[in-house]
Amino acid sequence: MSSSYLAIISKIIFFYSLFYVVMKIVAAFGGNMPYANLILAIPYLAFSIIGGLMLKNNKYHWAYAIVGIIMISALRFYEQEWMLAIEGYFN
């Protein structure tokens, strides 16, 4: 694959992560499982920061794309179970 595919995939992961961080923060401060939402926003925040730096420098890496796809898939698949477990732990 060419570097243009890598740039597109990295930008999608970056913008998705950025959107998801905002969504989780709004949900947490809206009273919807605040601890779970804030904790589950941390990996997305990390990917937003890394992706923002990559976007700023216009240098992309396949590890970011591969790990991003795996992380997003795993978090979305197990999100409900983890949210209930985290919120149960803090309450």
C-alpha atoms as a PDB file:
ATOM      1  CA  MET A   1       0.000   0.000   0.000  1.00  0.00           C
ATOM      2  CA  SER A   2       1.134   3.489  -0.634  1.00  0.00           C
ATOM      3  CA  SER A   3       1.748   6.226   1.878  1.00  0.00           C
ATOM      4  CA  SER A   4      -1.449   8.004   0.837  1.00  0.00           C
ATOM      5  CA  TYR A   5      -3.459   5.068   2.228  1.00  0.00           C
ATOM      6  CA  LEU A   6      -1.479   5.284   5.445  1.00  0.00           C
ATOM      7  CA  ALA A   7      -2.166   9.017   5.706  1.00  0.00           C
ATOM      8  CA  ILE A   8      -5.892   8.508   5.134  1.00  0.00           C
ATOM      9  CA  ILE A   9      -6.152   5.678   7.670  1.00  0.00           C
ATOM     10  CA  SER A  10      -4.176   7.682  10.236  1.00  0.00           C
ATOM     11  CA  LYS A  11      -6.376  10.746   9.757  1.00  0.00           C
ATOM     12  CA  ILE A  12      -9.527   8.663  10.156  1.00  0.00           C
ATOM     13  CA  ILE A  13      -8.194   7.172  13.399  1.00  0.00           C
ATOM     14  CA  PHE A  14      -7.177  10.626  14.628  1.00  0.00           C
ATOM     15  CA  PHE A  15     -10.535  12.290  13.915  1.00  0.00           C
ATOM     16  CA  TYR A  16     -12.500   9.312  15.241  1.00  0.00           C
ATOM     17  CA  SER A  17     -10.458   9.344  18.454  1.00  0.00           C
ATOM     18  CA  LEU A  18     -10.858  13.087  18.836  1.00  0.00           C
ATOM     19  CA  PHE A  19     -14.620  12.831  18.336  1.00  0.00           C
ATOM     20  CA  TYR A  20     -14.858   9.929  20.773  1.00  0.00           C
ATOM     21  CA  VAL A  21     -12.945  11.799  23.498  1.00  0.00           C
ATOM     22  CA  VAL A  22     -15.358  14.709  23.203  1.00  0.00           C
ATOM     23  CA  MET A  23     -18.331  12.343  23.227  1.00  0.00           C
ATOM     24  CA  LYS A  24     -17.082  10.496  26.326  1.00  0.00           C
ATOM     25  CA  ILE A  25     -16.403  13.741  28.208  1.00  0.00           C
ATOM     26  CA  VAL A  26     -19.866  15.071  27.397  1.00  0.00           C
ATOM     27  CA  ALA A  27     -21.397  11.773  28.541  1.00  0.00           C
ATOM     28  CA  ALA A  28     -19.355  11.772  31.754  1.00  0.00           C
ATOM     29  CA  PHE A  29     -20.303  15.312  32.731  1.00  0.00           C
ATOM     30  CA  GLY A  30     -23.883  14.638  31.682  1.00  0.00           C
ATOM     31  CA  GLY A  31     -24.096  12.102  34.508  1.00  0.00           C
ATOM     32  CA  ASN A  32     -23.926   8.939  32.418  1.00  0.00           C
ATOM     33  CA  MET A  33     -21.451   6.617  34.200  1.00  0.00           C
ATOM     34  CA  PRO A  34     -18.834   9.325  34.771  1.00  0.00           C
ATOM     35  CA  TYR A  35     -15.956   7.138  35.967  1.00  0.00           C
ATOM     36  CA  ALA A  36     -16.318   4.599  33.192  1.00  0.00           C
ATOM     37  CA  ASN A  37     -16.627   7.212  30.470  1.00  0.00           C
ATOM     38  CA  LEU A  38     -13.581   9.140  31.648  1.00  0.00           C
ATOM     39  CA  ILE A  39     -11.441   6.018  32.009  1.00  0.00           C
ATOM     40  CA  LEU A  40     -12.463   4.660  28.611  1.00  0.00           C
ATOM     41  CA  ALA A  41     -11.652   8.030  27.032  1.00  0.00           C
ATOM     42  CA  ILE A  42      -7.962   7.706  28.010  1.00  0.00           C
ATOM     43  CA  PRO A  43      -6.851   5.424  25.127  1.00  0.00           C
ATOM     44  CA  TYR A  44      -8.712   7.617  22.650  1.00  0.00           C
ATOM     45  CA  LEU A  45      -7.054  10.688  24.154  1.00  0.00           C
ATOM     46  CA  ALA A  46      -3.642   9.092  23.683  1.00  0.00           C
ATOM     47  CA  PHE A  47      -4.421   8.296  20.054  1.00  0.00           C
ATOM     48  CA  SER A  48      -5.722  11.825  19.533  1.00  0.00           C
ATOM     49  CA  ILE A  49      -2.500  13.337  20.847  1.00  0.00           C
ATOM     50  CA  ILE A  50      -0.256  11.000  18.864  1.00  0.00           C
ATOM     51  CA  GLY A  51      -2.368  11.446  15.735  1.00  0.00           C
ATOM     52  CA  GLY A  52      -2.344  15.218  16.133  1.00  0.00           C
ATOM     53  CA  LEU A  53       1.444  15.228  16.319  1.00  0.00           C
ATOM     54  CA  MET A  54       1.666  12.984  13.277  1.00  0.00           C
ATOM     55  CA  LEU A  55      -0.762  15.186  11.367  1.00  0.00           C
ATOM     56  CA  LYS A  56       1.160  18.317  12.336  1.00  0.00           C
ATOM     57  CA  ASN A  57       4.488  16.853  11.190  1.00  0.00           C
ATOM     58  CA  ASN A  58       2.908  15.103   8.187  1.00  0.00           C
ATOM     59  CA  LYS A  59       4.731  11.875   9.124  1.00  0.00           C
ATOM     60  CA  TYR A  60       2.706   8.706   9.540  1.00  0.00           C
ATOM     61  CA  HIS A  61       3.589   5.247  10.788  1.00  0.00           C
ATOM     62  CA  TRP A  62       1.954   1.890  10.132  1.00  0.00           C
ATOM     63  CA  ALA A  63       2.173   0.934  13.813  1.00  0.00           C
ATOM     64  CA  TYR A  64      -0.206   3.793  14.661  1.00  0.00           C
ATOM     65  CA  ALA A  65      -2.683   2.605  12.040  1.00  0.00           C
ATOM     66  CA  ILE A  66      -2.538  -1.071  12.992  1.00  0.00           C
ATOM     67  CA  VAL A  67      -2.654  -0.538  16.753  1.00  0.00           C
ATOM     68  CA  GLY A  68      -5.355   2.114  16.290  1.00  0.00           C
ATOM     69  CA  ILE A  69      -7.602  -0.227  14.335  1.00  0.00           C
ATOM     70  CA  ILE A  70      -7.131  -3.019  16.876  1.00  0.00           C
ATOM     71  CA  MET A  71      -7.641  -0.696  19.862  1.00  0.00           C
ATOM     72  CA  ILE A  72     -10.759   0.927  18.457  1.00  0.00           C
ATOM     73  CA  SER A  73     -12.242  -2.439  17.523  1.00  0.00           C
ATOM     74  CA  ALA A  74     -11.538  -3.974  20.935  1.00  0.00           C
ATOM     75  CA  LEU A  75     -12.816  -0.967  22.879  1.00  0.00           C
ATOM     76  CA  ARG A  76     -16.011  -0.765  20.853  1.00  0.00           C
ATOM     77  CA  PHE A  77     -16.618  -4.539  21.150  1.00  0.00           C
ATOM     78  CA  TYR A  78     -16.099  -4.736  24.934  1.00  0.00           C
ATOM     79  CA  GLU A  79     -17.256  -1.225  25.825  1.00  0.00           C
ATOM     80  CA  GLN A  80     -20.543  -2.101  27.525  1.00  0.00           C
ATOM     81  CA  GLU A  81     -19.025  -4.856  29.661  1.00  0.00           C
ATOM     82  CA  TRP A  82     -16.088  -2.674  30.690  1.00  0.00           C
ATOM     83  CA  MET A  83     -18.312   0.311  31.452  1.00  0.00           C
ATOM     84  CA  LEU A  84     -20.469  -1.759  33.800  1.00  0.00           C
ATOM     85  CA  ALA A  85     -17.408  -3.312  35.453  1.00  0.00           C
ATOM     86  CA  ILE A  86     -15.645   0.041  35.939  1.00  0.00           C
ATOM     87  CA  GLU A  87     -18.731   1.787  37.247  1.00  0.00           C
ATOM     88  CA  GLY A  88     -19.453  -1.160  39.564  1.00  0.00           C
ATOM     89  CA  TYR A  89     -15.920  -0.951  40.918  1.00  0.00           C
ATOM     90  CA  PHE A  90     -16.251   2.744  41.833  1.00  0.00           C
ATOM     91  CA  ASN A  91     -19.750   2.462  43.306  1.00  0.00           C
END
